[in-house]
Amino acid sequence: QVQLVESGGGLVQAGGSLRLSCVASRSIFSINVMGWYRQAPGKERESVAYITSNGNTNYADSVKGRFTISRDIVQNTVYLQMKNLKPEDTAVYYCNAMTTLNYWGQGTQVTVSS
């Protein structure tokens, strides 16, 4: 089992930056994929970025060049650095860990004002 705790959300103006953190309850070294998803009101949850166990990363087209996913294996933490935020980035952001099962954090709200 994996417990995930997100932090770092908040209110920011368009063009601003935030860094989200996701701390896992156990080593992330062997977790197949860790990623960030988001869900805006009235919309489906969508993948934002993920990082594989060998360090490969992938981004949604809407965030490429603005968001960066990274990890600290020693701290069992995955980060999402978000720059040049736009109002359409407003959503609840969820951390995900994929092993043989899918694990989710409780989510952290990101609100970008215009």
Protein backbone atom coordinates (compact mmCIF):
# COMPACT_ATOMS: atom_id res chain seq x y z
CA GLN A 1 0.00 0.00 0.00
CA VAL A 2 1.01 3.60 -0.63
CA GLN A 3 -0.31 6.70 1.09
CA LEU A 4 0.19 9.95 -0.78
CA VAL A 5 0.02 13.44 0.70
CA GLU A 6 0.00 16.48 -1.59
CA SER A 7 0.81 20.04 -0.64
CA GLY A 8 1.72 23.32 -2.28
CA GLY A 9 -1.54 24.38 -3.86
CA GLY A 10 -2.96 27.85 -3.49
CA LEU A 11 -4.14 31.00 -5.18
CA VAL A 12 -1.85 32.66 -7.70
CA GLN A 13 -2.19 35.26 -10.41
CA ALA A 14 -1.86 34.36 -14.05
CA GLY A 15 1.78 34.15 -15.00
CA GLY A 16 2.79 33.07 -11.54
CA SER A 17 4.35 29.86 -10.29
CA LEU A 18 3.64 27.13 -7.77
CA ARG A 19 5.39 23.94 -6.78
CA LEU A 20 3.32 20.96 -5.71
CA SER A 21 4.79 18.20 -3.57
CA CYS A 22 3.62 14.63 -3.10
CA VAL A 23 5.13 12.64 -0.26
CA ALA A 24 4.75 8.87 -0.41
CA SER A 25 4.59 6.59 2.62
CA ARG A 26 7.19 4.26 1.18
CA SER A 27 10.06 4.26 -1.28
CA ILE A 28 9.09 5.55 -4.70
CA PHE A 29 12.10 3.93 -6.34
CA SER A 30 10.19 0.81 -7.25
CA ILE A 31 6.86 2.44 -8.08
CA ASN A 32 6.23 1.94 -11.78
CA VAL A 33 4.81 5.37 -12.49
CA MET A 34 4.13 8.41 -10.39
CA GLY A 35 2.13 11.24 -11.79
CA TRP A 36 -0.01 14.28 -11.37
CA TYR A 37 -3.60 14.55 -12.50
CA ARG A 38 -6.04 17.41 -12.27
CA GLN A 39 -9.78 17.83 -12.25
CA ALA A 40 -11.53 21.10 -12.93
CA PRO A 41 -15.18 21.66 -11.98
CA GLY A 42 -17.50 19.88 -14.37
CA LYS A 43 -14.63 18.17 -16.17
CA GLU A 44 -13.09 14.73 -16.11
CA ARG A 45 -9.83 14.05 -14.33
CA GLU A 46 -6.93 14.35 -16.75
CA SER A 47 -3.29 13.40 -16.70
CA VAL A 48 -0.90 16.33 -16.39
CA ALA A 49 2.52 14.70 -16.12
CA TYR A 50 4.13 11.48 -15.04
CA ILE A 51 7.55 10.04 -14.31
CA THR A 52 8.47 6.40 -14.63
CA SER A 53 10.67 4.30 -12.38
CA ASN A 54 13.60 4.80 -14.77
CA GLY A 55 13.12 8.56 -14.81
CA ASN A 56 11.35 9.07 -18.11
CA THR A 57 8.81 11.88 -18.10
CA ASN A 58 5.71 12.71 -20.09
CA TYR A 59 3.51 15.80 -20.20
CA ALA A 60 0.09 16.77 -21.43
CA ASP A 61 0.31 19.05 -24.45
CA SER A 62 -1.42 21.82 -22.50
CA VAL A 63 1.41 22.05 -19.95
CA LYS A 64 4.50 21.26 -22.02
CA GLY A 65 7.16 23.88 -21.54
CA ARG A 66 5.47 25.26 -18.42
CA PHE A 67 5.33 22.33 -15.97
CA THR A 68 8.16 20.09 -14.83
CA ILE A 69 7.80 16.84 -12.91
CA SER A 70 10.69 15.60 -10.82
CA ARG A 71 11.36 13.30 -7.93
CA ASP A 72 13.56 12.99 -4.87
CA ILE A 73 13.99 9.29 -4.19
CA VAL A 74 15.65 9.87 -0.83
CA GLN A 75 12.70 12.00 0.34
CA ASN A 76 10.09 9.74 -1.33
CA THR A 77 8.69 12.88 -2.92
CA VAL A 78 7.48 13.82 -6.37
CA TYR A 79 7.23 17.46 -7.38
CA LEU A 80 5.33 19.39 -9.99
CA GLN A 81 6.88 22.75 -10.75
CA MET A 82 4.32 24.94 -12.49
CA LYS A 83 5.32 28.16 -14.21
CA ASN A 84 3.46 30.70 -16.32
CA LEU A 85 0.19 29.53 -14.84
CA LYS A 86 -3.02 30.25 -16.69
CA PRO A 87 -6.62 30.49 -15.44
CA GLU A 88 -7.36 27.25 -17.29
CA ASP A 89 -4.88 25.49 -14.99
CA THR A 90 -7.32 25.99 -12.13
CA ALA A 91 -8.23 22.57 -10.74
CA VAL A 92 -7.73 20.14 -7.92
CA TYR A 93 -4.40 18.43 -8.49
CA TYR A 94 -4.00 14.81 -7.46
CA CYS A 95 -0.89 12.74 -7.01
CA ASN A 96 -1.02 9.18 -8.33
CA ALA A 97 1.16 6.13 -7.76
CA MET A 98 0.77 3.17 -10.07
CA THR A 99 1.97 -0.22 -8.92
CA THR A 100 -0.20 -3.26 -9.38
CA LEU A 101 -2.89 -0.95 -8.01
CA ASN A 102 -3.60 2.74 -8.39
CA TYR A 103 -3.18 5.00 -5.37
CA TRP A 104 -4.37 8.58 -5.04
CA GLY A 105 -3.72 11.46 -2.74
CA GLN A 106 -6.45 13.68 -1.33
CA GLY A 107 -5.78 16.49 -3.80
CA THR A 108 -4.64 20.08 -3.51
CA GLN A 109 -6.49 23.06 -4.95
CA VAL A 110 -4.76 25.31 -7.46
CA THR A 111 -6.57 28.50 -8.39
CA VAL A 112 -5.18 30.87 -11.01
CA SER A 113 -6.79 34.29 -11.21
CA SER A 114 -6.79 36.36 -14.39
